[in-house]
Amino acid sequence: MEDDVRRVSKAIGDLMRIAGSDRVHAMRQRATGADLTRTEMRFLAVVDEQGPLPVTELGRVLHLSQPTASRTLRRLEDLGLVERGTDTADARVARYRITATGRRLWRKFEAYMAKQLSDSMAGMSERRQHQLAELLDELVVGTRRQTFDAERSPTRRTNASASSGREK
C-alpha cells in the first residue's frame, strides 16, 4: 500500500515537472502560435472556465500576488485576449472575461495539450485509458474533499489564529 502511494506520488510529480517544463511549453507555443507564458495561459483557462472574475479572485485561484495578477491581466488585455468589465453588484470592482480571440487561442492551446496526452496514452488499450480516467477522477475528488475538510478543520483555524497572534 505505501509503495503504491509512493509510486502514485512520484508519477504525479514527474508528470507535473514534464508538463510544466520550459521545453514542453515552448513546444506548445510553437505548435499553437501562442506567445504567452504559462501563467498567462493559466489565466485564460481560469477565466474561460469560471467566467468573469475580479483580479483578486484570479490571483487567489492561481496563487499569485495581486500585483502579479494585475500585470498579467494588463498584458492579456493589451493583447485583446481578455477584457475588463464592471461588477454589477459593485461598480468599483473590475471583472475580467475572456474575449472571442482569447477563447480561440485557449481552445487551440488546449486542443494541442489534449493531442499530446492522447499521443502519450496511445500505447494503452481503450479499456486502460478509460480506467485511468476514472481513477484520476476519483483521486481528484478525494483530494478536493481532503483539502475542503482541512480548510474547515477547527484545528487548522485555531493553529492559523495562534500563528497570526490572534485568538479565536
N, C-alpha and C. Protein backbone atom coordinates (compact mmCIF):
# COMPACT_ATOMS: atom_id res chain seq x y z
N MET A 1 0.83 -1.20 0.00
CA MET A 1 0.00 0.00 0.00
C MET A 1 0.87 1.26 0.00
N GLU A 2 1.82 1.36 0.94
CA GLU A 2 2.70 2.53 0.98
C GLU A 2 3.50 2.66 -0.31
N ASP A 3 3.92 1.52 -0.86
CA ASP A 3 4.67 1.54 -2.11
C ASP A 3 3.81 2.12 -3.24
N ASP A 4 2.52 1.75 -3.28
CA ASP A 4 1.62 2.28 -4.30
C ASP A 4 1.45 3.79 -4.14
N VAL A 5 1.30 4.24 -2.91
CA VAL A 5 1.15 5.68 -2.66
C VAL A 5 2.41 6.41 -3.13
N ARG A 6 3.57 5.87 -2.81
CA ARG A 6 4.84 6.48 -3.27
C ARG A 6 4.91 6.52 -4.79
N ARG A 7 4.52 5.42 -5.44
CA ARG A 7 4.56 5.36 -6.90
C ARG A 7 3.62 6.39 -7.52
N VAL A 8 2.41 6.51 -6.97
CA VAL A 8 1.45 7.49 -7.48
C VAL A 8 1.98 8.90 -7.26
N SER A 9 2.50 9.16 -6.08
CA SER A 9 3.05 10.48 -5.78
C SER A 9 4.20 10.83 -6.72
N LYS A 10 5.08 9.89 -6.94
CA LYS A 10 6.21 10.12 -7.85
C LYS A 10 5.72 10.35 -9.27
N ALA A 11 4.77 9.54 -9.73
CA ALA A 11 4.24 9.68 -11.08
C ALA A 11 3.59 11.04 -11.28
N ILE A 12 2.81 11.48 -10.29
CA ILE A 12 2.17 12.80 -10.40
C ILE A 12 3.23 13.88 -10.43
N GLY A 13 4.23 13.78 -9.56
CA GLY A 13 5.32 14.76 -9.56
C GLY A 13 6.05 14.79 -10.89
N ASP A 14 6.35 13.61 -11.43
CA ASP A 14 7.04 13.54 -12.73
C ASP A 14 6.20 14.17 -13.83
N LEU A 15 4.90 13.85 -13.85
CA LEU A 15 4.01 14.43 -14.87
C LEU A 15 3.94 15.95 -14.75
N MET A 16 3.87 16.45 -13.53
CA MET A 16 3.82 17.90 -13.32
C MET A 16 5.10 18.57 -13.79
N ARG A 17 6.24 17.96 -13.49
CA ARG A 17 7.52 18.53 -13.92
C ARG A 17 7.64 18.52 -15.44
N ILE A 18 7.25 17.43 -16.07
CA ILE A 18 7.33 17.34 -17.53
C ILE A 18 6.37 18.35 -18.17
N ALA A 19 5.11 18.31 -17.75
CA ALA A 19 4.10 19.19 -18.35
C ALA A 19 4.42 20.66 -18.11
N GLY A 20 5.05 20.97 -17.00
CA GLY A 20 5.38 22.36 -16.67
C GLY A 20 6.75 22.80 -17.13
N SER A 21 7.45 21.94 -17.85
CA SER A 21 8.82 22.27 -18.25
C SER A 21 8.85 23.33 -19.35
N ASP A 22 9.96 24.06 -19.39
CA ASP A 22 10.16 25.07 -20.42
C ASP A 22 10.11 24.44 -21.81
N ARG A 23 10.71 23.28 -21.94
CA ARG A 23 10.76 22.60 -23.25
C ARG A 23 9.35 22.27 -23.76
N VAL A 24 8.52 21.71 -22.91
CA VAL A 24 7.16 21.35 -23.32
C VAL A 24 6.35 22.61 -23.61
N HIS A 25 6.50 23.64 -22.78
CA HIS A 25 5.75 24.88 -23.03
C HIS A 25 6.18 25.50 -24.36
N ALA A 26 7.48 25.52 -24.63
CA ALA A 26 7.98 26.08 -25.90
C ALA A 26 7.41 25.29 -27.08
N MET A 27 7.32 23.97 -26.94
CA MET A 27 6.75 23.13 -27.99
C MET A 27 5.28 23.51 -28.22
N ARG A 28 4.56 23.73 -27.14
CA ARG A 28 3.15 24.11 -27.25
C ARG A 28 3.01 25.50 -27.89
N GLN A 29 3.90 26.41 -27.51
CA GLN A 29 3.86 27.76 -28.10
C GLN A 29 4.08 27.69 -29.61
N ARG A 30 5.10 26.93 -30.03
CA ARG A 30 5.40 26.80 -31.46
C ARG A 30 4.22 26.19 -32.21
N ALA A 31 3.64 25.15 -31.65
CA ALA A 31 2.57 24.43 -32.32
C ALA A 31 1.29 25.25 -32.44
N THR A 32 1.06 26.16 -31.49
CA THR A 32 -0.19 26.91 -31.47
C THR A 32 -0.04 28.38 -31.85
N GLY A 33 1.19 28.85 -31.93
CA GLY A 33 1.41 30.27 -32.21
C GLY A 33 1.06 31.15 -31.03
N ALA A 34 0.95 30.57 -29.86
CA ALA A 34 0.59 31.31 -28.65
C ALA A 34 1.86 31.77 -27.93
N ASP A 35 2.21 33.02 -28.10
CA ASP A 35 3.41 33.56 -27.47
C ASP A 35 3.07 34.09 -26.08
N LEU A 36 2.59 33.18 -25.23
CA LEU A 36 2.19 33.54 -23.88
C LEU A 36 2.93 32.67 -22.87
N THR A 37 3.13 33.23 -21.69
CA THR A 37 3.76 32.47 -20.61
C THR A 37 2.79 31.42 -20.09
N ARG A 38 3.30 30.50 -19.30
CA ARG A 38 2.43 29.51 -18.66
C ARG A 38 1.40 30.21 -17.78
N THR A 39 1.81 31.24 -17.06
CA THR A 39 0.89 31.98 -16.18
C THR A 39 -0.21 32.63 -17.00
N GLU A 40 0.14 33.23 -18.11
CA GLU A 40 -0.88 33.86 -18.96
C GLU A 40 -1.85 32.83 -19.51
N MET A 41 -1.35 31.66 -19.87
CA MET A 41 -2.24 30.60 -20.36
C MET A 41 -3.15 30.11 -19.24
N ARG A 42 -2.62 30.02 -18.03
CA ARG A 42 -3.46 29.61 -16.89
C ARG A 42 -4.57 30.62 -16.65
N PHE A 43 -4.26 31.92 -16.79
CA PHE A 43 -5.29 32.95 -16.64
C PHE A 43 -6.41 32.74 -17.66
N LEU A 44 -6.02 32.53 -18.92
CA LEU A 44 -7.04 32.30 -19.94
C LEU A 44 -7.90 31.09 -19.60
N ALA A 45 -7.27 30.03 -19.14
CA ALA A 45 -8.00 28.82 -18.80
C ALA A 45 -9.01 29.08 -17.68
N VAL A 46 -8.59 29.77 -16.64
CA VAL A 46 -9.47 30.02 -15.49
C VAL A 46 -10.62 30.95 -15.88
N VAL A 47 -10.32 32.03 -16.60
CA VAL A 47 -11.37 32.97 -16.99
C VAL A 47 -12.34 32.30 -17.96
N ASP A 48 -11.83 31.44 -18.82
CA ASP A 48 -12.71 30.71 -19.74
C ASP A 48 -13.62 29.76 -18.97
N GLU A 49 -13.05 29.04 -18.01
CA GLU A 49 -13.81 28.04 -17.26
C GLU A 49 -14.78 28.66 -16.26
N GLN A 50 -14.32 29.69 -15.54
CA GLN A 50 -15.12 30.22 -14.43
C GLN A 50 -15.89 31.49 -14.76
N GLY A 51 -15.64 32.07 -15.90
CA GLY A 51 -16.33 33.30 -16.26
C GLY A 51 -15.63 34.52 -15.68
N PRO A 52 -16.27 35.69 -15.84
CA PRO A 52 -15.64 36.94 -15.38
C PRO A 52 -15.31 36.91 -13.89
N LEU A 53 -14.06 37.29 -13.59
CA LEU A 53 -13.60 37.30 -12.20
C LEU A 53 -12.83 38.58 -11.91
N PRO A 54 -12.88 39.04 -10.66
CA PRO A 54 -12.04 40.19 -10.27
C PRO A 54 -10.58 39.75 -10.15
N VAL A 55 -9.69 40.72 -10.25
CA VAL A 55 -8.26 40.43 -10.20
C VAL A 55 -7.87 39.71 -8.91
N THR A 56 -8.48 40.09 -7.78
CA THR A 56 -8.13 39.45 -6.50
C THR A 56 -8.51 37.98 -6.51
N GLU A 57 -9.65 37.65 -7.09
CA GLU A 57 -10.09 36.26 -7.15
C GLU A 57 -9.19 35.45 -8.09
N LEU A 58 -8.84 36.04 -9.23
CA LEU A 58 -7.92 35.35 -10.15
C LEU A 58 -6.59 35.08 -9.47
N GLY A 59 -6.08 36.06 -8.76
CA GLY A 59 -4.82 35.87 -8.04
C GLY A 59 -4.93 34.77 -7.00
N ARG A 60 -6.05 34.73 -6.29
CA ARG A 60 -6.25 33.69 -5.27
C ARG A 60 -6.32 32.31 -5.90
N VAL A 61 -7.10 32.18 -6.96
CA VAL A 61 -7.26 30.88 -7.63
C VAL A 61 -5.92 30.38 -8.17
N LEU A 62 -5.11 31.29 -8.69
CA LEU A 62 -3.83 30.91 -9.31
C LEU A 62 -2.65 31.03 -8.36
N HIS A 63 -2.92 31.40 -7.10
CA HIS A 63 -1.87 31.51 -6.08
C HIS A 63 -0.82 32.54 -6.49
N LEU A 64 -1.30 33.71 -6.90
CA LEU A 64 -0.41 34.80 -7.31
C LEU A 64 -0.73 36.05 -6.51
N SER A 65 0.27 36.89 -6.33
CA SER A 65 0.03 38.15 -5.64
C SER A 65 -0.86 39.04 -6.51
N GLN A 66 -1.50 40.01 -5.89
CA GLN A 66 -2.36 40.93 -6.61
C GLN A 66 -1.58 41.72 -7.66
N PRO A 67 -0.36 42.22 -7.34
CA PRO A 67 0.39 42.94 -8.38
C PRO A 67 0.75 42.06 -9.58
N THR A 68 1.12 40.80 -9.34
CA THR A 68 1.43 39.89 -10.45
C THR A 68 0.19 39.61 -11.28
N ALA A 69 -0.92 39.38 -10.61
CA ALA A 69 -2.19 39.14 -11.32
C ALA A 69 -2.57 40.36 -12.15
N SER A 70 -2.41 41.55 -11.60
CA SER A 70 -2.74 42.79 -12.32
C SER A 70 -1.87 42.97 -13.55
N ARG A 71 -0.57 42.75 -13.41
CA ARG A 71 0.34 42.88 -14.56
C ARG A 71 -0.02 41.88 -15.65
N THR A 72 -0.32 40.65 -15.25
CA THR A 72 -0.66 39.61 -16.22
C THR A 72 -1.95 39.98 -16.96
N LEU A 73 -2.94 40.42 -16.22
CA LEU A 73 -4.21 40.81 -16.85
C LEU A 73 -4.03 42.00 -17.77
N ARG A 74 -3.20 42.94 -17.38
CA ARG A 74 -2.95 44.12 -18.22
C ARG A 74 -2.36 43.69 -19.57
N ARG A 75 -1.39 42.76 -19.52
CA ARG A 75 -0.79 42.27 -20.77
C ARG A 75 -1.83 41.53 -21.61
N LEU A 76 -2.62 40.66 -21.00
CA LEU A 76 -3.65 39.93 -21.74
C LEU A 76 -4.69 40.88 -22.32
N GLU A 77 -4.98 41.93 -21.58
CA GLU A 77 -5.93 42.94 -22.07
C GLU A 77 -5.32 43.69 -23.26
N ASP A 78 -4.06 44.06 -23.15
CA ASP A 78 -3.38 44.75 -24.26
C ASP A 78 -3.35 43.90 -25.51
N LEU A 79 -3.26 42.58 -25.35
CA LEU A 79 -3.24 41.66 -26.48
C LEU A 79 -4.65 41.35 -27.01
N GLY A 80 -5.68 41.86 -26.33
CA GLY A 80 -7.05 41.63 -26.76
C GLY A 80 -7.57 40.25 -26.40
N LEU A 81 -6.96 39.60 -25.42
CA LEU A 81 -7.36 38.25 -25.05
C LEU A 81 -8.34 38.22 -23.89
N VAL A 82 -8.33 39.26 -23.06
CA VAL A 82 -9.32 39.43 -22.00
C VAL A 82 -9.80 40.89 -22.07
N GLU A 83 -10.97 41.12 -21.49
CA GLU A 83 -11.47 42.49 -21.42
C GLU A 83 -12.02 42.74 -20.03
N ARG A 84 -11.91 43.98 -19.64
CA ARG A 84 -12.34 44.39 -18.31
C ARG A 84 -13.78 44.88 -18.40
N GLY A 85 -14.56 44.46 -17.42
CA GLY A 85 -15.93 44.93 -17.30
C GLY A 85 -16.20 45.32 -15.86
N THR A 86 -17.33 45.90 -15.61
CA THR A 86 -17.69 46.34 -14.27
C THR A 86 -18.55 45.29 -13.58
N ASP A 87 -18.30 45.10 -12.30
CA ASP A 87 -19.10 44.19 -11.49
C ASP A 87 -20.48 44.82 -11.31
N THR A 88 -21.53 44.06 -11.58
CA THR A 88 -22.89 44.61 -11.46
C THR A 88 -23.27 44.92 -10.02
N ALA A 89 -22.69 44.21 -9.06
CA ALA A 89 -23.01 44.42 -7.65
C ALA A 89 -22.19 45.56 -7.04
N ASP A 90 -20.99 45.80 -7.58
CA ASP A 90 -20.12 46.83 -7.02
C ASP A 90 -19.31 47.45 -8.16
N ALA A 91 -19.72 48.63 -8.59
CA ALA A 91 -19.10 49.28 -9.75
C ALA A 91 -17.62 49.59 -9.55
N ARG A 92 -17.14 49.54 -8.31
CA ARG A 92 -15.71 49.80 -8.06
C ARG A 92 -14.85 48.60 -8.44
N VAL A 93 -15.47 47.44 -8.60
CA VAL A 93 -14.74 46.20 -8.88
C VAL A 93 -14.76 45.90 -10.37
N ALA A 94 -13.57 45.67 -10.92
CA ALA A 94 -13.46 45.27 -12.32
C ALA A 94 -13.46 43.75 -12.39
N ARG A 95 -14.15 43.22 -13.38
CA ARG A 95 -14.16 41.78 -13.65
C ARG A 95 -13.58 41.57 -15.03
N TYR A 96 -12.75 40.53 -15.14
CA TYR A 96 -12.10 40.24 -16.41
C TYR A 96 -12.73 39.00 -17.02
N ARG A 97 -13.02 39.11 -18.31
CA ARG A 97 -13.59 37.98 -19.04
C ARG A 97 -12.76 37.75 -20.30
N ILE A 98 -12.80 36.53 -20.76
CA ILE A 98 -12.05 36.16 -21.96
C ILE A 98 -12.79 36.69 -23.19
N THR A 99 -12.04 37.16 -24.17
CA THR A 99 -12.63 37.63 -25.43
C THR A 99 -12.76 36.45 -26.39
N ALA A 100 -13.42 36.67 -27.50
CA ALA A 100 -13.54 35.61 -28.51
C ALA A 100 -12.15 35.22 -29.01
N THR A 101 -11.27 36.20 -29.19
CA THR A 101 -9.90 35.92 -29.63
C THR A 101 -9.16 35.10 -28.58
N GLY A 102 -9.31 35.48 -27.31
CA GLY A 102 -8.68 34.74 -26.22
C GLY A 102 -9.20 33.32 -26.14
N ARG A 103 -10.49 33.15 -26.33
CA ARG A 103 -11.10 31.81 -26.27
C ARG A 103 -10.59 30.93 -27.41
N ARG A 104 -10.48 31.50 -28.62
CA ARG A 104 -9.95 30.73 -29.76
C ARG A 104 -8.52 30.29 -29.48
N LEU A 105 -7.70 31.21 -28.95
CA LEU A 105 -6.31 30.88 -28.64
C LEU A 105 -6.24 29.80 -27.56
N TRP A 106 -7.04 29.96 -26.50
CA TRP A 106 -7.04 28.96 -25.43
C TRP A 106 -7.49 27.60 -25.96
N ARG A 107 -8.54 27.57 -26.78
CA ARG A 107 -9.03 26.30 -27.32
C ARG A 107 -7.96 25.62 -28.18
N LYS A 108 -7.24 26.40 -28.95
CA LYS A 108 -6.16 25.85 -29.78
C LYS A 108 -5.06 25.24 -28.89
N PHE A 109 -4.69 25.97 -27.85
CA PHE A 109 -3.67 25.51 -26.91
C PHE A 109 -4.15 24.26 -26.18
N GLU A 110 -5.39 24.29 -25.72
CA GLU A 110 -6.00 23.16 -25.01
C GLU A 110 -6.07 21.92 -25.91
N ALA A 111 -6.43 22.12 -27.17
CA ALA A 111 -6.51 21.00 -28.11
C ALA A 111 -5.13 20.39 -28.34
N TYR A 112 -4.10 21.23 -28.39
CA TYR A 112 -2.75 20.70 -28.58
C TYR A 112 -2.32 19.89 -27.35
N MET A 113 -2.64 20.40 -26.15
CA MET A 113 -2.30 19.64 -24.93
C MET A 113 -3.04 18.30 -24.92
N ALA A 114 -4.29 18.29 -25.36
CA ALA A 114 -5.06 17.04 -25.41
C ALA A 114 -4.42 16.06 -26.40
N LYS A 115 -3.93 16.58 -27.53
CA LYS A 115 -3.27 15.72 -28.50
C LYS A 115 -1.98 15.14 -27.91
N GLN A 116 -1.23 15.96 -27.19
CA GLN A 116 -0.01 15.45 -26.54
C GLN A 116 -0.35 14.32 -25.58
N LEU A 117 -1.39 14.50 -24.79
CA LEU A 117 -1.80 13.48 -23.82
C LEU A 117 -2.30 12.23 -24.54
N SER A 118 -3.08 12.42 -25.57
CA SER A 118 -3.58 11.29 -26.35
C SER A 118 -2.41 10.50 -26.95
N ASP A 119 -1.44 11.20 -27.50
CA ASP A 119 -0.26 10.54 -28.05
C ASP A 119 0.51 9.78 -26.97
N SER A 120 0.56 10.35 -25.76
CA SER A 120 1.26 9.70 -24.65
C SER A 120 0.55 8.42 -24.21
N MET A 121 -0.76 8.38 -24.37
CA MET A 121 -1.54 7.22 -23.94
C MET A 121 -1.80 6.24 -25.07
N ALA A 122 -1.25 6.50 -26.25
CA ALA A 122 -1.54 5.69 -27.44
C ALA A 122 -1.21 4.22 -27.26
N GLY A 123 -0.24 3.89 -26.41
CA GLY A 123 0.14 2.50 -26.20
C GLY A 123 -0.79 1.75 -25.26
N MET A 124 -1.75 2.44 -24.67
CA MET A 124 -2.70 1.80 -23.76
C MET A 124 -3.96 1.40 -24.52
N SER A 125 -4.55 0.31 -24.09
CA SER A 125 -5.83 -0.07 -24.68
C SER A 125 -6.89 0.96 -24.28
N GLU A 126 -7.99 0.99 -25.03
CA GLU A 126 -9.09 1.90 -24.68
C GLU A 126 -9.60 1.62 -23.28
N ARG A 127 -9.67 0.35 -22.92
CA ARG A 127 -10.14 -0.04 -21.58
C ARG A 127 -9.24 0.56 -20.51
N ARG A 128 -7.92 0.46 -20.69
CA ARG A 128 -6.96 1.00 -19.71
C ARG A 128 -7.04 2.53 -19.66
N GLN A 129 -7.23 3.16 -20.81
CA GLN A 129 -7.37 4.61 -20.83
C GLN A 129 -8.61 5.03 -20.04
N HIS A 130 -9.70 4.30 -20.23
CA HIS A 130 -10.94 4.58 -19.50
C HIS A 130 -10.74 4.38 -17.99
N GLN A 131 -10.08 3.29 -17.63
CA GLN A 131 -9.80 3.04 -16.21
C GLN A 131 -8.94 4.15 -15.61
N LEU A 132 -7.92 4.57 -16.34
CA LEU A 132 -7.06 5.64 -15.86
C LEU A 132 -7.87 6.91 -15.63
N ALA A 133 -8.73 7.25 -16.58
CA ALA A 133 -9.56 8.45 -16.44
C ALA A 133 -10.45 8.36 -15.21
N GLU A 134 -11.07 7.20 -14.99
CA GLU A 134 -11.93 7.03 -13.82
C GLU A 134 -11.14 7.12 -12.52
N LEU A 135 -9.97 6.49 -12.48
CA LEU A 135 -9.14 6.53 -11.27
C LEU A 135 -8.66 7.95 -10.98
N LEU A 136 -8.28 8.68 -12.01
CA LEU A 136 -7.84 10.06 -11.80
C LEU A 136 -8.99 10.93 -11.31
N ASP A 137 -10.19 10.72 -11.85
CA ASP A 137 -11.37 11.44 -11.35
C ASP A 137 -11.57 11.18 -9.87
N GLU A 138 -11.46 9.92 -9.45
CA GLU A 138 -11.61 9.57 -8.03
C GLU A 138 -10.53 10.23 -7.18
N LEU A 139 -9.30 10.25 -7.68
CA LEU A 139 -8.20 10.88 -6.95
C LEU A 139 -8.44 12.38 -6.77
N VAL A 140 -8.92 13.04 -7.81
CA VAL A 140 -9.22 14.47 -7.73
C VAL A 140 -10.33 14.73 -6.72
N VAL A 141 -11.38 13.94 -6.76
CA VAL A 141 -12.49 14.10 -5.81
C VAL A 141 -11.98 13.92 -4.37
N GLY A 142 -11.19 12.89 -4.14
CA GLY A 142 -10.65 12.65 -2.80
C GLY A 142 -9.74 13.76 -2.34
N THR A 143 -8.93 14.28 -3.24
CA THR A 143 -8.01 15.36 -2.89
C THR A 143 -8.78 16.64 -2.58
N ARG A 144 -9.79 16.94 -3.40
CA ARG A 144 -10.61 18.13 -3.13
C ARG A 144 -11.33 18.01 -1.79
N ARG A 145 -11.87 16.84 -1.52
CA ARG A 145 -12.58 16.62 -0.26
C ARG A 145 -11.63 16.81 0.92
N GLN A 146 -10.45 16.24 0.82
CA GLN A 146 -9.47 16.36 1.90
C GLN A 146 -9.06 17.83 2.10
N THR A 147 -8.86 18.54 1.01
CA THR A 147 -8.49 19.95 1.10
C THR A 147 -9.63 20.76 1.71
N PHE A 148 -10.85 20.50 1.27
CA PHE A 148 -12.02 21.19 1.79
C PHE A 148 -12.16 20.93 3.29
N ASP A 149 -12.02 19.67 3.69
CA ASP A 149 -12.14 19.31 5.10
C ASP A 149 -11.04 19.98 5.93
N ALA A 150 -9.81 20.00 5.41
CA ALA A 150 -8.70 20.60 6.14
C ALA A 150 -8.89 22.11 6.31
N GLU A 151 -9.45 22.77 5.30
CA GLU A 151 -9.67 24.21 5.38
C GLU A 151 -10.73 24.55 6.41
N ARG A 152 -11.63 23.63 6.67
CA ARG A 152 -12.70 23.88 7.63
C ARG A 152 -12.45 23.26 8.99
N SER A 153 -11.31 22.63 9.14
CA SER A 153 -10.98 21.97 10.38
C SER A 153 -10.79 22.98 11.51
N PRO A 154 -11.42 22.74 12.69
CA PRO A 154 -11.23 23.64 13.83
C PRO A 154 -9.75 23.73 14.23
N THR A 155 -9.02 22.63 14.12
CA THR A 155 -7.60 22.63 14.46
C THR A 155 -6.84 23.57 13.55
N ARG A 156 -7.13 23.55 12.26
CA ARG A 156 -6.44 24.41 11.31
C ARG A 156 -6.74 25.87 11.63
N ARG A 157 -8.02 26.19 11.89
CA ARG A 157 -8.39 27.58 12.18
C ARG A 157 -7.72 28.04 13.47
N THR A 158 -7.68 27.17 14.49
CA THR A 158 -7.05 27.53 15.75
C THR A 158 -5.56 27.74 15.55
N ASN A 159 -4.90 26.85 14.82
CA ASN A 159 -3.46 26.99 14.55
C ASN A 159 -3.18 28.25 13.75
N ALA A 160 -4.04 28.56 12.77
CA ALA A 160 -3.84 29.75 11.96
C ALA A 160 -3.99 31.00 12.81
N SER A 161 -4.98 31.00 13.71
CA SER A 161 -5.17 32.15 14.58
C SER A 161 -3.99 32.31 15.52
N ALA A 162 -3.51 31.20 16.08
CA ALA A 162 -2.38 31.26 17.01
C ALA A 162 -1.12 31.75 16.31
N SER A 163 -0.90 31.27 15.08
CA SER A 163 0.33 31.67 14.39
C SER A 163 0.28 33.12 13.96
N SER A 164 -0.93 33.70 13.81
CA SER A 164 -1.01 35.10 13.42
C SER A 164 -1.13 36.01 14.64
N GLY A 165 -1.13 35.41 15.83
CA GLY A 165 -1.18 36.20 17.05
C GLY A 165 -2.59 36.56 17.48
N ARG A 166 -3.58 36.06 16.77
CA ARG A 166 -4.98 36.35 17.13
C ARG A 166 -5.54 35.18 17.90
N GLU A 167 -6.50 35.47 18.75
CA GLU A 167 -7.20 34.40 19.45
C GLU A 167 -8.52 34.15 18.76
N LYS A 168 -8.99 32.97 18.92
CA LYS A 168 -10.26 32.57 18.33
C LYS A 168 -11.39 33.14 19.11
